[in-house]
Amino acid sequence: MDDEMKKIGKQPNNPLHGVTLATIVEQLEGYYGWDVLADKIPIRCFENNPSIKSSLKFLRKTNWARTKVEDLYIRTFCRD
């Protein structure tokens, strides 16, 4: 039963499994910086006085923006 539960918990086809939104934003900001991030995804939380905290607050409430950020993370860091 334990092996079966372990298989269920793993998601090999989901590159975001186990990655928090905070980690995604921190890594993207560290890699691109706020200016380039705002060019790639033009949302106010990246353009006007950006911070990790304000970005997380916005992205947790706004699914379309979160999807864009997650897609950029996958394209940037999850290459096969």
PDB file of N, CA and C in Angstrom:
ATOM      1  N   MET A   1       0.820  -1.197   0.000  1.00  0.00           N
ATOM      2  CA  MET A   1       0.000   0.000   0.000  1.00  0.00           C
ATOM      3  C   MET A   1       0.862   1.258   0.000  1.00  0.00           C
ATOM      4  N   ASP A   2       1.987   1.247   0.695  1.00  0.00           N
ATOM      5  CA  ASP A   2       2.846   2.422   0.737  1.00  0.00           C
ATOM      6  C   ASP A   2       3.374   2.782  -0.651  1.00  0.00           C
ATOM      7  N   ASP A   3       3.800   1.784  -1.430  1.00  0.00           N
ATOM      8  CA  ASP A   3       4.289   2.051  -2.777  1.00  0.00           C
ATOM      9  C   ASP A   3       3.193   2.648  -3.649  1.00  0.00           C
ATOM     10  N   GLU A   4       1.976   2.163  -3.468  1.00  0.00           N
ATOM     11  CA  GLU A   4       0.857   2.676  -4.228  1.00  0.00           C
ATOM     12  C   GLU A   4       0.593   4.145  -3.893  1.00  0.00           C
ATOM     13  N   MET A   5       0.660   4.499  -2.626  1.00  0.00           N
ATOM     14  CA  MET A   5       0.445   5.878  -2.196  1.00  0.00           C
ATOM     15  C   MET A   5       1.544   6.793  -2.716  1.00  0.00           C
ATOM     16  N   LYS A   6       2.780   6.302  -2.751  1.00  0.00           N
ATOM     17  CA  LYS A   6       3.882   7.100  -3.271  1.00  0.00           C
ATOM     18  C   LYS A   6       3.685   7.404  -4.749  1.00  0.00           C
ATOM     19  N   LYS A   7       3.193   6.434  -5.516  1.00  0.00           N
ATOM     20  CA  LYS A   7       2.954   6.628  -6.939  1.00  0.00           C
ATOM     21  C   LYS A   7       1.872   7.674  -7.169  1.00  0.00           C
ATOM     22  N   ILE A   8       0.846   7.659  -6.344  1.00  0.00           N
ATOM     23  CA  ILE A   8      -0.240   8.608  -6.477  1.00  0.00           C
ATOM     24  C   ILE A   8       0.257  10.028  -6.194  1.00  0.00           C
ATOM     25  N   GLY A   9       1.122  10.197  -5.199  1.00  0.00           N
ATOM     26  CA  GLY A   9       1.617  11.510  -4.806  1.00  0.00           C
ATOM     27  C   GLY A   9       2.579  12.142  -5.795  1.00  0.00           C
ATOM     28  N   LYS A  10       3.223  11.341  -6.629  1.00  0.00           N
ATOM     29  CA  LYS A  10       4.176  11.872  -7.606  1.00  0.00           C
ATOM     30  C   LYS A  10       3.453  12.278  -8.874  1.00  0.00           C
ATOM     31  N   GLN A  11       3.940  13.336  -9.487  1.00  0.00           N
ATOM     32  CA  GLN A  11       3.371  13.808 -10.741  1.00  0.00           C
ATOM     33  C   GLN A  11       4.504  14.066 -11.730  1.00  0.00           C
ATOM     34  N   PRO A  12       4.995  13.016 -12.359  1.00  0.00           N
ATOM     35  CA  PRO A  12       6.169  13.173 -13.232  1.00  0.00           C
ATOM     36  C   PRO A  12       5.933  14.076 -14.437  1.00  0.00           C
ATOM     37  N   ASN A  13       4.691  14.249 -14.869  1.00  0.00           N
ATOM     38  CA  ASN A  13       4.406  15.088 -16.034  1.00  0.00           C
ATOM     39  C   ASN A  13       4.048  16.517 -15.655  1.00  0.00           C
ATOM     40  N   ASN A  14       4.152  16.856 -14.390  1.00  0.00           N
ATOM     41  CA  ASN A  14       3.830  18.204 -13.930  1.00  0.00           C
ATOM     42  C   ASN A  14       5.108  18.876 -13.426  1.00  0.00           C
ATOM     43  N   PRO A  15       5.719  19.744 -14.234  1.00  0.00           N
ATOM     44  CA  PRO A  15       6.980  20.366 -13.826  1.00  0.00           C
ATOM     45  C   PRO A  15       6.835  21.318 -12.638  1.00  0.00           C
ATOM     46  N   LEU A  16       5.607  21.723 -12.306  1.00  0.00           N
ATOM     47  CA  LEU A  16       5.401  22.636 -11.185  1.00  0.00           C
ATOM     48  C   LEU A  16       5.074  21.908  -9.886  1.00  0.00           C
ATOM     49  N   HIS A  17       4.991  20.579  -9.931  1.00  0.00           N
ATOM     50  CA  HIS A  17       4.665  19.820  -8.725  1.00  0.00           C
ATOM     51  C   HIS A  17       5.724  20.052  -7.646  1.00  0.00           C
ATOM     52  N   GLY A  18       5.276  20.530  -6.497  1.00  0.00           N
ATOM     53  CA  GLY A  18       6.187  20.760  -5.379  1.00  0.00           C
ATOM     54  C   GLY A  18       6.877  22.114  -5.400  1.00  0.00           C
ATOM     55  N   VAL A  19       6.605  22.929  -6.403  1.00  0.00           N
ATOM     56  CA  VAL A  19       7.220  24.258  -6.510  1.00  0.00           C
ATOM     57  C   VAL A  19       6.189  25.292  -6.070  1.00  0.00           C
ATOM     58  N   THR A  20       6.526  26.082  -5.070  1.00  0.00           N
ATOM     59  CA  THR A  20       5.582  27.081  -4.580  1.00  0.00           C
ATOM     60  C   THR A  20       5.572  28.305  -5.487  1.00  0.00           C
ATOM     61  N   LEU A  21       4.491  29.054  -5.424  1.00  0.00           N
ATOM     62  CA  LEU A  21       4.400  30.290  -6.192  1.00  0.00           C
ATOM     63  C   LEU A  21       5.492  31.272  -5.768  1.00  0.00           C
ATOM     64  N   ALA A  22       5.796  31.291  -4.482  1.00  0.00           N
ATOM     65  CA  ALA A  22       6.859  32.176  -3.988  1.00  0.00           C
ATOM     66  C   ALA A  22       8.194  31.816  -4.632  1.00  0.00           C
ATOM     67  N   THR A  23       8.490  30.544  -4.732  1.00  0.00           N
ATOM     68  CA  THR A  23       9.735  30.103  -5.363  1.00  0.00           C
ATOM     69  C   THR A  23       9.763  30.507  -6.831  1.00  0.00           C
ATOM     70  N   ILE A  24       8.633  30.348  -7.509  1.00  0.00           N
ATOM     71  CA  ILE A  24       8.548  30.707  -8.928  1.00  0.00           C
ATOM     72  C   ILE A  24       8.849  32.188  -9.121  1.00  0.00           C
ATOM     73  N   VAL A  25       8.191  33.045  -8.344  1.00  0.00           N
ATOM     74  CA  VAL A  25       8.389  34.492  -8.489  1.00  0.00           C
ATOM     75  C   VAL A  25       9.813  34.883  -8.113  1.00  0.00           C
ATOM     76  N   GLU A  26      10.337  34.337  -7.041  1.00  0.00           N
ATOM     77  CA  GLU A  26      11.705  34.656  -6.609  1.00  0.00           C
ATOM     78  C   GLU A  26      12.727  34.255  -7.668  1.00  0.00           C
ATOM     79  N   GLN A  27      12.565  33.071  -8.243  1.00  0.00           N
ATOM     80  CA  GLN A  27      13.526  32.621  -9.253  1.00  0.00           C
ATOM     81  C   GLN A  27      13.421  33.444 -10.536  1.00  0.00           C
ATOM     82  N   LEU A  28      12.202  33.754 -10.948  1.00  0.00           N
ATOM     83  CA  LEU A  28      12.047  34.578 -12.149  1.00  0.00           C
ATOM     84  C   LEU A  28      12.606  35.980 -11.940  1.00  0.00           C
ATOM     85  N   GLU A  29      12.344  36.557 -10.784  1.00  0.00           N
ATOM     86  CA  GLU A  29      12.878  37.893 -10.496  1.00  0.00           C
ATOM     87  C   GLU A  29      14.402  37.866 -10.436  1.00  0.00           C
ATOM     88  N   GLY A  30      14.959  36.848  -9.841  1.00  0.00           N
ATOM     89  CA  GLY A  30      16.408  36.726  -9.770  1.00  0.00           C
ATOM     90  C   GLY A  30      17.043  36.525 -11.131  1.00  0.00           C
ATOM     91  N   TYR A  31      16.376  35.821 -12.003  1.00  0.00           N
ATOM     92  CA  TYR A  31      16.903  35.519 -13.331  1.00  0.00           C
ATOM     93  C   TYR A  31      16.737  36.696 -14.293  1.00  0.00           C
ATOM     94  N   TYR A  32      15.537  37.286 -14.325  1.00  0.00           N
ATOM     95  CA  TYR A  32      15.244  38.355 -15.275  1.00  0.00           C
ATOM     96  C   TYR A  32      15.349  39.757 -14.688  1.00  0.00           C
ATOM     97  N   GLY A  33      14.997  39.914 -13.416  1.00  0.00           N
ATOM     98  CA  GLY A  33      14.862  41.245 -12.831  1.00  0.00           C
ATOM     99  C   GLY A  33      13.462  41.766 -13.113  1.00  0.00           C
ATOM    100  N   TRP A  34      13.023  42.762 -12.332  1.00  0.00           N
ATOM    101  CA  TRP A  34      11.654  43.263 -12.456  1.00  0.00           C
ATOM    102  C   TRP A  34      11.380  43.898 -13.810  1.00  0.00           C
ATOM    103  N   ASP A  35      12.344  44.645 -14.349  1.00  0.00           N
ATOM    104  CA  ASP A  35      12.111  45.347 -15.615  1.00  0.00           C
ATOM    105  C   ASP A  35      11.831  44.375 -16.763  1.00  0.00           C
ATOM    106  N   VAL A  36      12.646  43.357 -16.895  1.00  0.00           N
ATOM    107  CA  VAL A  36      12.452  42.379 -17.972  1.00  0.00           C
ATOM    108  C   VAL A  36      11.194  41.554 -17.708  1.00  0.00           C
ATOM    109  N   LEU A  37      10.956  41.225 -16.455  1.00  0.00           N
ATOM    110  CA  LEU A  37       9.748  40.483 -16.096  1.00  0.00           C
ATOM    111  C   LEU A  37       8.498  41.283 -16.487  1.00  0.00           C
ATOM    112  N   ALA A  38       8.511  42.582 -16.249  1.00  0.00           N
ATOM    113  CA  ALA A  38       7.386  43.445 -16.625  1.00  0.00           C
ATOM    114  C   ALA A  38       7.233  43.534 -18.143  1.00  0.00           C
ATOM    115  N   ASP A  39       8.336  43.461 -18.884  1.00  0.00           N
ATOM    116  CA  ASP A  39       8.260  43.446 -20.347  1.00  0.00           C
ATOM    117  C   ASP A  39       7.660  42.135 -20.850  1.00  0.00           C
ATOM    118  N   LYS A  40       8.043  41.041 -20.233  1.00  0.00           N
ATOM    119  CA  LYS A  40       7.563  39.724 -20.648  1.00  0.00           C
ATOM    120  C   LYS A  40       6.110  39.491 -20.244  1.00  0.00           C
ATOM    121  N   ILE A  41       5.744  39.959 -19.052  1.00  0.00           N
ATOM    122  CA  ILE A  41       4.380  39.817 -18.544  1.00  0.00           C
ATOM    123  C   ILE A  41       3.956  41.191 -18.024  1.00  0.00           C
ATOM    124  N   PRO A  42       3.296  41.986 -18.847  1.00  0.00           N
ATOM    125  CA  PRO A  42       2.959  43.359 -18.451  1.00  0.00           C
ATOM    126  C   PRO A  42       1.783  43.422 -17.465  1.00  0.00           C
ATOM    127  N   ILE A  43       2.087  43.237 -16.211  1.00  0.00           N
ATOM    128  CA  ILE A  43       1.090  43.380 -15.151  1.00  0.00           C
ATOM    129  C   ILE A  43       1.638  44.373 -14.132  1.00  0.00           C
ATOM    130  N   ARG A  44       0.734  45.126 -13.523  1.00  0.00           N
ATOM    131  CA  ARG A  44       1.146  46.228 -12.644  1.00  0.00           C
ATOM    132  C   ARG A  44       2.024  45.787 -11.481  1.00  0.00           C
ATOM    133  N   CYS A  45       1.800  44.587 -10.952  1.00  0.00           N
ATOM    134  CA  CYS A  45       2.601  44.176  -9.794  1.00  0.00           C
ATOM    135  C   CYS A  45       4.069  43.986 -10.170  1.00  0.00           C
ATOM    136  N   PHE A  46       4.380  43.873 -11.458  1.00  0.00           N
ATOM    137  CA  PHE A  46       5.768  43.811 -11.914  1.00  0.00           C
ATOM    138  C   PHE A  46       6.263  45.176 -12.385  1.00  0.00           C
ATOM    139  N   GLU A  47       5.346  46.071 -12.727  1.00  0.00           N
ATOM    140  CA  GLU A  47       5.715  47.358 -13.316  1.00  0.00           C
ATOM    141  C   GLU A  47       5.851  48.485 -12.292  1.00  0.00           C
ATOM    142  N   ASN A  48       4.935  48.565 -11.349  1.00  0.00           N
ATOM    143  CA  ASN A  48       4.895  49.689 -10.406  1.00  0.00           C
ATOM    144  C   ASN A  48       5.302  49.261  -9.008  1.00  0.00           C
ATOM    145  N   ASN A  49       6.458  49.720  -8.562  1.00  0.00           N
ATOM    146  CA  ASN A  49       6.948  49.417  -7.221  1.00  0.00           C
ATOM    147  C   ASN A  49       6.864  47.923  -6.898  1.00  0.00           C
ATOM    148  N   PRO A  50       7.501  47.084  -7.709  1.00  0.00           N
ATOM    149  CA  PRO A  50       7.347  45.637  -7.551  1.00  0.00           C
ATOM    150  C   PRO A  50       8.031  45.095  -6.290  1.00  0.00           C
ATOM    151  N   SER A  51       7.419  44.070  -5.741  1.00  0.00           N
ATOM    152  CA  SER A  51       8.025  43.326  -4.639  1.00  0.00           C
ATOM    153  C   SER A  51       7.491  41.901  -4.698  1.00  0.00           C
ATOM    154  N   ILE A  52       8.187  41.005  -4.066  1.00  0.00           N
ATOM    155  CA  ILE A  52       7.741  39.616  -4.015  1.00  0.00           C
ATOM    156  C   ILE A  52       6.375  39.554  -3.336  1.00  0.00           C
ATOM    157  N   LYS A  53       6.235  40.248  -2.212  1.00  0.00           N
ATOM    158  CA  LYS A  53       5.000  40.201  -1.431  1.00  0.00           C
ATOM    159  C   LYS A  53       3.798  40.697  -2.232  1.00  0.00           C
ATOM    160  N   SER A  54       3.928  41.848  -2.885  1.00  0.00           N
ATOM    161  CA  SER A  54       2.795  42.383  -3.647  1.00  0.00           C
ATOM    162  C   SER A  54       2.480  41.506  -4.858  1.00  0.00           C
ATOM    163  N   SER A  55       3.506  40.954  -5.471  1.00  0.00           N
ATOM    164  CA  SER A  55       3.295  40.073  -6.614  1.00  0.00           C
ATOM    165  C   SER A  55       2.554  38.811  -6.205  1.00  0.00           C
ATOM    166  N   LEU A  56       2.945  38.223  -5.096  1.00  0.00           N
ATOM    167  CA  LEU A  56       2.281  37.006  -4.619  1.00  0.00           C
ATOM    168  C   LEU A  56       0.822  37.281  -4.285  1.00  0.00           C
ATOM    169  N   LYS A  57       0.559  38.404  -3.652  1.00  0.00           N
ATOM    170  CA  LYS A  57      -0.813  38.761  -3.289  1.00  0.00           C
ATOM    171  C   LYS A  57      -1.679  38.863  -4.542  1.00  0.00           C
ATOM    172  N   PHE A  58      -1.183  39.533  -5.579  1.00  0.00           N
ATOM    173  CA  PHE A  58      -1.923  39.684  -6.827  1.00  0.00           C
ATOM    174  C   PHE A  58      -2.086  38.346  -7.546  1.00  0.00           C
ATOM    175  N   LEU A  59      -1.000  37.592  -7.673  1.00  0.00           N
ATOM    176  CA  LEU A  59      -1.032  36.345  -8.440  1.00  0.00           C
ATOM    177  C   LEU A  59      -1.909  35.283  -7.790  1.00  0.00           C
ATOM    178  N   ARG A  60      -2.010  35.295  -6.481  1.00  0.00           N
ATOM    179  CA  ARG A  60      -2.873  34.325  -5.799  1.00  0.00           C
ATOM    180  C   ARG A  60      -4.352  34.596  -6.061  1.00  0.00           C
ATOM    181  N   LYS A  61      -4.692  35.833  -6.400  1.00  0.00           N
ATOM    182  CA  LYS A  61      -6.086  36.195  -6.654  1.00  0.00           C
ATOM    183  C   LYS A  61      -6.433  36.214  -8.144  1.00  0.00           C
ATOM    184  N   THR A  62      -5.430  36.201  -9.016  1.00  0.00           N
ATOM    185  CA  THR A  62      -5.659  36.425 -10.444  1.00  0.00           C
ATOM    186  C   THR A  62      -5.122  35.249 -11.250  1.00  0.00           C
ATOM    187  N   ASN A  63      -6.018  34.332 -11.585  1.00  0.00           N
ATOM    188  CA  ASN A  63      -5.603  33.090 -12.238  1.00  0.00           C
ATOM    189  C   ASN A  63      -4.928  33.291 -13.587  1.00  0.00           C
ATOM    190  N   TRP A  64      -5.430  34.230 -14.416  1.00  0.00           N
ATOM    191  CA  TRP A  64      -4.831  34.408 -15.739  1.00  0.00           C
ATOM    192  C   TRP A  64      -3.388  34.886 -15.622  1.00  0.00           C
ATOM    193  N   ALA A  65      -3.102  35.747 -14.657  1.00  0.00           N
ATOM    194  CA  ALA A  65      -1.740  36.247 -14.474  1.00  0.00           C
ATOM    195  C   ALA A  65      -0.841  35.147 -13.911  1.00  0.00           C
ATOM    196  N   ARG A  66      -1.369  34.388 -12.964  1.00  0.00           N
ATOM    197  CA  ARG A  66      -0.599  33.280 -12.390  1.00  0.00           C
ATOM    198  C   ARG A  66      -0.221  32.273 -13.477  1.00  0.00           C
ATOM    199  N   THR A  67      -1.153  31.993 -14.372  1.00  0.00           N
ATOM    200  CA  THR A  67      -0.876  31.060 -15.467  1.00  0.00           C
ATOM    201  C   THR A  67       0.258  31.574 -16.351  1.00  0.00           C
ATOM    202  N   LYS A  68       0.256  32.863 -16.645  1.00  0.00           N
ATOM    203  CA  LYS A  68       1.332  33.443 -17.458  1.00  0.00           C
ATOM    204  C   LYS A  68       2.685  33.327 -16.749  1.00  0.00           C
ATOM    205  N   VAL A  69       2.702  33.562 -15.447  1.00  0.00           N
ATOM    206  CA  VAL A  69       3.941  33.473 -14.671  1.00  0.00           C
ATOM    207  C   VAL A  69       4.425  32.024 -14.624  1.00  0.00           C
ATOM    208  N   GLU A  70       3.521  31.097 -14.395  1.00  0.00           N
ATOM    209  CA  GLU A  70       3.897  29.679 -14.363  1.00  0.00           C
ATOM    210  C   GLU A  70       4.414  29.217 -15.721  1.00  0.00           C
ATOM    211  N   ASP A  71       3.776  29.660 -16.804  1.00  0.00           N
ATOM    212  CA  ASP A  71       4.233  29.303 -18.151  1.00  0.00           C
ATOM    213  C   ASP A  71       5.637  29.839 -18.421  1.00  0.00           C
ATOM    214  N   LEU A  72       5.902  31.074 -18.010  1.00  0.00           N
ATOM    215  CA  LEU A  72       7.243  31.639 -18.182  1.00  0.00           C
ATOM    216  C   LEU A  72       8.265  30.852 -17.373  1.00  0.00           C
ATOM    217  N   TYR A  73       7.910  30.468 -16.169  1.00  0.00           N
ATOM    218  CA  TYR A  73       8.805  29.669 -15.325  1.00  0.00           C
ATOM    219  C   TYR A  73       9.145  28.337 -16.016  1.00  0.00           C
ATOM    220  N   ILE A  74       8.127  27.685 -16.552  1.00  0.00           N
ATOM    221  CA  ILE A  74       8.350  26.401 -17.235  1.00  0.00           C
ATOM    222  C   ILE A  74       9.248  26.594 -18.446  1.00  0.00           C
ATOM    223  N   ARG A  75       8.969  27.626 -19.247  1.00  0.00           N
ATOM    224  CA  ARG A  75       9.804  27.880 -20.440  1.00  0.00           C
ATOM    225  C   ARG A  75      11.243  28.226 -20.063  1.00  0.00           C
ATOM    226  N   THR A  76      11.424  28.877 -18.937  1.00  0.00           N
ATOM    227  CA  THR A  76      12.749  29.339 -18.529  1.00  0.00           C
ATOM    228  C   THR A  76      13.557  28.249 -17.832  1.00  0.00           C
ATOM    229  N   PHE A  77      12.934  27.515 -16.927  1.00  0.00           N
ATOM    230  CA  PHE A  77      13.692  26.629 -16.042  1.00  0.00           C
ATOM    231  C   PHE A  77      13.418  25.135 -16.225  1.00  0.00           C
ATOM    232  N   CYS A  78      12.422  24.750 -16.960  1.00  0.00           N
ATOM    233  CA  CYS A  78      12.039  23.332 -17.048  1.00  0.00           C
ATOM    234  C   CYS A  78      12.223  22.771 -18.427  1.00  0.00           C
ATOM    235  N   ARG A  79      13.379  22.910 -18.950  1.00  0.00           N
ATOM    236  CA  ARG A  79      13.667  22.371 -20.285  1.00  0.00           C
ATOM    237  C   ARG A  79      14.139  20.940 -20.155  1.00  0.00           C
ATOM    238  N   ASP A  80      13.692  20.103 -21.075  1.00  0.00           N
ATOM    239  CA  ASP A  80      14.116  18.683 -21.068  1.00  0.00           C
ATOM    240  C   ASP A  80      15.461  18.500 -21.708  1.00  0.00           C
TER     241      ASP A  80
END
